[in-house]
Amino acid sequence: NPRWDNAKYDLPINQEDMAGTILEFDFMVVRGLKRLGLQISRREHESMHYFWRYAGYLLGVDEALLTTTLEEQEILAMQLTSHLYEPTADSESLAKALLRDMAGKPPFNLSYEVLLGFSRYLIGDKVADDLNIHSSVSAATAVRVVKTAVSAASFGVRFLPDPAKRALEDLNHRLGKRTLKAGLGDDPARWGFKALA
């Protein structure tokens, strides 16, 4: 775009990286939630996909890289991974720094060791090995226990009466507010999370 000023704004983010980021918030999140035992219907996944497709459009992702079906989404994820995935020592350092910073903090207050276990489970053994993320037996056990609990709760919530579902949604909303307050402290959100803050 001739209107883009590299001296002022630096180089623009390339389209494949932008499309990959949309996939991480949609395809990868749903894949992770399913791995943890959450039951997500095709219709629910399609609704999330539609939302993130629109978000990608608003963020300037080329429409040719905005998938129209869940199947296209999975194919694009594999295509991008095949030539963009190059873990380095910096990747390992960044991943571990993020997990260390999350350790012991709301909403889950999990230890670094348990976060390593969840990460290994969610990203798979190959990527975890590439990032030198290993799980202790106790952390892997904690992951299995949580997966079993999430799976049972996800199945059971579908049978709750509507008032109970609304009460659960209210509880989730309060948890989100509490987590944001803990993270932001006395510096309240002034933009994206105003509805929760």
Protein backbone atom coordinates (compact mmCIF):
# COMPACT_ATOMS: atom_id res chain seq x y z
CA ASN A 1 0.00 0.00 0.00
CA PRO A 2 1.66 3.25 -1.10
CA ARG A 3 0.06 5.08 1.87
CA TRP A 4 1.96 2.89 4.38
CA ASP A 5 4.92 4.81 5.83
CA ASN A 6 7.63 2.30 6.83
CA ALA A 7 9.70 5.03 8.49
CA LYS A 8 6.77 5.99 10.70
CA TYR A 9 5.11 2.63 11.35
CA ASP A 10 7.93 0.11 10.65
CA LEU A 11 7.25 -2.92 8.44
CA PRO A 12 3.63 -4.13 8.34
CA ILE A 13 2.78 -7.55 9.77
CA ASN A 14 2.55 -10.07 6.96
CA GLN A 15 -0.80 -11.57 6.04
CA GLU A 16 0.09 -15.17 6.89
CA ASP A 17 1.12 -14.18 10.41
CA MET A 18 -2.15 -12.27 10.81
CA ALA A 19 -4.18 -15.24 9.54
CA GLY A 20 -2.22 -17.53 11.87
CA THR A 21 -3.05 -15.30 14.83
CA ILE A 22 -6.76 -15.54 14.01
CA LEU A 23 -6.38 -19.34 13.88
CA GLU A 24 -4.74 -19.32 17.30
CA PHE A 25 -7.70 -17.52 18.86
CA ASP A 26 -10.22 -19.76 17.10
CA PHE A 27 -9.03 -23.15 15.86
CA MET A 28 -6.29 -23.65 18.47
CA VAL A 29 -8.44 -22.51 21.41
CA VAL A 30 -11.30 -24.82 20.43
CA ARG A 31 -8.86 -27.69 19.90
CA GLY A 32 -7.39 -27.07 23.36
CA LEU A 33 -10.77 -26.84 25.04
CA LYS A 34 -11.85 -30.10 23.42
CA ARG A 35 -8.62 -31.76 24.55
CA LEU A 36 -9.48 -30.66 28.08
CA GLY A 37 -12.82 -32.43 27.83
CA LEU A 38 -15.14 -29.50 27.06
CA GLN A 39 -17.97 -30.53 24.79
CA ILE A 40 -18.26 -28.02 21.97
CA SER A 41 -20.85 -28.70 19.31
CA ARG A 42 -20.20 -28.08 15.64
CA ARG A 43 -22.74 -25.26 15.74
CA GLU A 44 -20.92 -23.60 18.68
CA HIS A 45 -17.59 -23.97 16.90
CA GLU A 46 -19.05 -22.54 13.69
CA SER A 47 -20.36 -19.55 15.67
CA MET A 48 -16.89 -18.92 17.12
CA HIS A 49 -15.37 -19.35 13.66
CA TYR A 50 -17.78 -16.81 12.21
CA PHE A 51 -16.90 -14.31 14.98
CA TRP A 52 -13.14 -14.69 14.45
CA ARG A 53 -13.52 -14.59 10.67
CA TYR A 54 -15.25 -11.22 11.07
CA ALA A 55 -12.61 -10.05 13.58
CA GLY A 56 -9.92 -11.01 11.05
CA TYR A 57 -11.73 -9.03 8.37
CA LEU A 58 -11.87 -5.96 10.62
CA LEU A 59 -8.17 -6.36 11.46
CA GLY A 60 -7.26 -6.37 7.77
CA VAL A 61 -6.60 -10.05 7.09
CA ASP A 62 -6.86 -10.72 3.36
CA GLU A 63 -10.21 -12.40 2.66
CA ALA A 64 -8.41 -15.20 0.77
CA LEU A 65 -6.89 -16.21 4.14
CA LEU A 66 -10.17 -16.05 6.05
CA THR A 67 -11.54 -19.58 5.97
CA THR A 68 -15.23 -20.16 5.38
CA THR A 69 -15.59 -23.62 6.93
CA LEU A 70 -14.12 -25.53 9.87
CA GLU A 71 -12.52 -27.95 7.41
CA GLU A 72 -10.80 -25.09 5.53
CA GLN A 73 -9.65 -23.74 8.87
CA GLU A 74 -7.90 -26.99 9.77
CA ILE A 75 -6.25 -27.18 6.33
CA LEU A 76 -5.00 -23.59 6.61
CA ALA A 77 -3.60 -24.31 10.08
CA MET A 78 -1.63 -27.27 8.68
CA GLN A 79 -0.44 -25.26 5.66
CA LEU A 80 0.79 -22.33 7.76
CA THR A 81 2.42 -24.60 10.33
CA SER A 82 4.26 -26.50 7.58
CA HIS A 83 6.36 -23.47 6.66
CA LEU A 84 6.01 -20.94 9.49
CA TYR A 85 6.79 -23.24 12.44
CA GLU A 86 10.45 -22.81 13.36
CA PRO A 87 10.99 -23.01 17.11
CA THR A 88 14.20 -21.46 18.40
CA ALA A 89 15.90 -21.00 21.75
CA ASP A 90 14.02 -17.69 21.93
CA SER A 91 10.72 -19.57 21.49
CA GLU A 92 11.59 -21.77 24.46
CA SER A 93 12.61 -18.77 26.58
CA LEU A 94 9.41 -16.89 25.73
CA ALA A 95 7.14 -19.87 26.42
CA LYS A 96 8.76 -20.56 29.78
CA ALA A 97 8.80 -16.88 30.76
CA LEU A 98 5.05 -16.66 30.06
CA LEU A 99 4.36 -19.76 32.15
CA ARG A 100 6.54 -18.49 35.01
CA ASP A 101 4.69 -15.16 34.95
CA MET A 102 1.29 -16.92 35.02
CA ALA A 103 2.25 -19.25 37.87
CA GLY A 104 0.37 -18.72 41.11
CA LYS A 105 -1.90 -16.02 39.65
CA PRO A 106 -5.67 -15.82 39.29
CA PRO A 107 -7.94 -17.21 38.16
CA PHE A 108 -6.46 -20.68 38.64
CA ASN A 109 -3.37 -20.06 40.82
CA LEU A 110 -1.54 -23.04 39.30
CA SER A 111 2.11 -23.76 39.98
CA TYR A 112 4.74 -23.45 37.26
CA GLU A 113 5.14 -27.24 37.29
CA VAL A 114 1.41 -27.81 36.69
CA LEU A 115 1.37 -25.15 33.95
CA LEU A 116 4.20 -27.05 32.24
CA GLY A 117 2.03 -30.19 32.44
CA PHE A 118 -0.99 -28.44 30.90
CA SER A 119 1.15 -26.89 28.19
CA ARG A 120 2.69 -30.20 27.21
CA TYR A 121 -0.73 -31.84 27.08
CA LEU A 122 -2.33 -29.05 25.05
CA ILE A 123 0.43 -28.46 22.49
CA GLY A 124 1.37 -32.12 22.08
CA ASP A 125 4.59 -34.00 22.65
CA LYS A 126 6.38 -32.92 19.45
CA VAL A 127 5.98 -29.18 19.99
CA ALA A 128 6.59 -29.59 23.72
CA ASP A 129 9.84 -31.43 22.98
CA ASP A 130 10.84 -28.68 20.52
CA LEU A 131 10.28 -26.11 23.30
CA ASN A 132 11.91 -28.33 25.95
CA ILE A 133 8.70 -28.37 28.00
CA HIS A 134 8.52 -31.47 30.16
CA SER A 135 5.92 -32.59 32.66
CA SER A 136 6.40 -34.31 35.97
CA VAL A 137 4.25 -37.33 36.84
CA SER A 138 2.33 -35.30 39.44
CA ALA A 139 1.63 -32.47 36.95
CA ALA A 140 0.48 -34.95 34.29
CA THR A 141 -1.82 -36.53 36.89
CA ALA A 142 -3.26 -33.10 37.74
CA VAL A 143 -4.00 -32.55 34.05
CA ARG A 144 -5.84 -35.89 33.83
CA VAL A 145 -7.88 -35.07 36.95
CA VAL A 146 -8.86 -31.65 35.58
CA LYS A 147 -9.73 -33.16 32.18
CA THR A 148 -12.01 -35.71 33.85
CA ALA A 149 -13.71 -32.99 35.92
CA VAL A 150 -14.14 -30.64 32.93
CA SER A 151 -15.55 -33.46 30.82
CA ALA A 152 -18.07 -34.43 33.50
CA ALA A 153 -19.10 -30.81 34.13
CA SER A 154 -19.38 -30.09 30.40
CA PHE A 155 -21.66 -33.08 29.95
CA GLY A 156 -23.73 -32.28 33.04
CA VAL A 157 -24.29 -28.59 32.32
CA ARG A 158 -26.33 -29.48 29.23
CA PHE A 159 -28.98 -30.98 31.53
CA LEU A 160 -29.27 -27.98 33.86
CA PRO A 161 -32.50 -25.98 33.80
CA ASP A 162 -32.22 -22.51 32.27
CA PRO A 163 -32.20 -20.62 35.62
CA ALA A 164 -29.25 -22.73 36.78
CA LYS A 165 -27.42 -22.07 33.49
CA ARG A 166 -27.96 -18.32 33.94
CA ALA A 167 -26.64 -18.54 37.51
CA LEU A 168 -23.56 -20.36 36.22
CA GLU A 169 -23.03 -17.70 33.54
CA ASP A 170 -23.30 -15.02 36.24
CA LEU A 171 -20.71 -16.85 38.32
CA ASN A 172 -18.38 -17.00 35.29
CA HIS A 173 -18.89 -13.27 34.70
CA ARG A 174 -18.02 -12.50 38.35
CA LEU A 175 -14.92 -14.69 38.09
CA GLY A 176 -13.87 -12.76 34.96
CA LYS A 177 -14.36 -9.43 36.77
CA ARG A 178 -12.36 -10.64 39.77
CA THR A 179 -9.55 -11.90 37.55
CA LEU A 180 -9.34 -8.62 35.66
CA LYS A 181 -9.33 -6.64 38.89
CA ALA A 182 -6.53 -8.82 40.27
CA GLY A 183 -4.54 -8.36 37.06
CA LEU A 184 -5.15 -4.65 36.60
CA GLY A 185 -5.11 -3.63 40.26
CA ASP A 186 -5.85 0.05 40.70
CA ASP A 187 -5.42 0.73 36.97
CA PRO A 188 -8.88 -0.17 35.59
CA ALA A 189 -9.42 -1.14 31.96
CA ARG A 190 -10.02 1.88 29.79
CA TRP A 191 -10.69 0.07 26.52
CA GLY A 192 -11.45 -3.55 25.54
CA PHE A 193 -12.67 -4.99 28.83
CA LYS A 194 -14.83 -2.16 30.16
CA ALA A 195 -17.88 -4.43 30.32
CA LEU A 196 -16.10 -6.72 32.76
CA ALA A 197 -13.96 -4.22 34.66
